[in-house]
Structure formats: C-alpha cells, structure tokens
Amino acid sequence: MTTPRLLKAFVVHGDFSRETSENLLGQISRVRSWNSTAYVQQTTHLFD
C-alpha cells in the first residue's frame, strides 16, 4: 500500500504540524475501515 509511503513523505518534508498529521491519520483509518466494511458487504453479497 502507498499510504505509509505518503505519510513518510509528509513527515520528511515537515509541512504538517503534529496536529495536522494526526488528523490525517484519523481520516485515513476511517476511510480504511469504511472501505473494509464496504468490501466485506460486497463479498458477502456475492455469496447470498
């Protein structure tokens, strides 16, 4: 996955404050869990 690489790039550039990067991490984990849920729903739907 490219997500850790992106985060590392942000950290290296130092463009984000600690608060901003934490917000970014929170958004990414929310999106990730939402994607997982959607994926599970799609997959289980196939086996109905």
Protein backbone atom coordinates (compact mmCIF):
# COMPACT_ATOMS: atom_id res chain seq x y z
CA MET A 1 0.00 0.00 0.00
CA THR A 2 1.16 3.51 -0.73
CA THR A 3 -0.30 5.08 2.40
CA PRO A 4 2.75 4.64 4.68
CA ARG A 5 4.97 5.96 1.91
CA LEU A 6 2.80 9.08 1.59
CA LEU A 7 2.83 9.66 5.33
CA LYS A 8 6.60 9.25 5.39
CA ALA A 9 6.90 11.84 2.61
CA PHE A 10 4.76 14.27 4.63
CA VAL A 11 6.86 13.70 7.74
CA VAL A 12 10.14 14.10 5.83
CA HIS A 13 9.02 17.38 4.29
CA GLY A 14 7.85 18.63 7.67
CA ASP A 15 4.97 20.51 6.04
CA PHE A 16 2.46 19.23 8.56
CA SER A 17 2.23 20.04 12.22
CA ARG A 18 1.69 17.19 14.66
CA GLU A 19 -1.99 18.03 14.92
CA THR A 20 -2.48 18.01 11.16
CA SER A 21 -0.74 14.68 10.70
CA GLU A 22 -2.84 13.16 13.48
CA ASN A 23 -5.98 14.43 11.74
CA LEU A 24 -4.71 12.93 8.50
CA LEU A 25 -4.06 9.60 10.18
CA GLY A 26 -7.54 9.65 11.67
CA GLN A 27 -9.12 10.31 8.28
CA ILE A 28 -7.09 7.57 6.63
CA SER A 29 -8.01 4.99 9.26
CA ARG A 30 -11.69 5.99 8.97
CA VAL A 31 -11.57 5.61 5.20
CA ARG A 32 -9.74 2.32 5.56
CA SER A 33 -12.31 0.87 7.95
CA TRP A 34 -15.14 2.15 5.71
CA ASN A 35 -13.50 0.52 2.68
CA SER A 36 -13.10 -2.74 4.59
CA THR A 37 -16.76 -2.68 5.57
CA ALA A 38 -17.86 -1.96 2.00
CA TYR A 39 -15.58 -4.72 0.73
CA VAL A 40 -16.99 -7.23 3.21
CA GLN A 41 -20.53 -6.24 2.28
CA GLN A 42 -19.80 -6.67 -1.42
CA THR A 43 -18.10 -10.00 -0.84
CA THR A 44 -20.84 -11.42 1.37
CA HIS A 45 -23.42 -10.20 -1.11
CA LEU A 46 -21.80 -12.37 -3.78
CA PHE A 47 -22.46 -15.44 -1.65
CA ASP A 48 -26.11 -14.71 -0.84
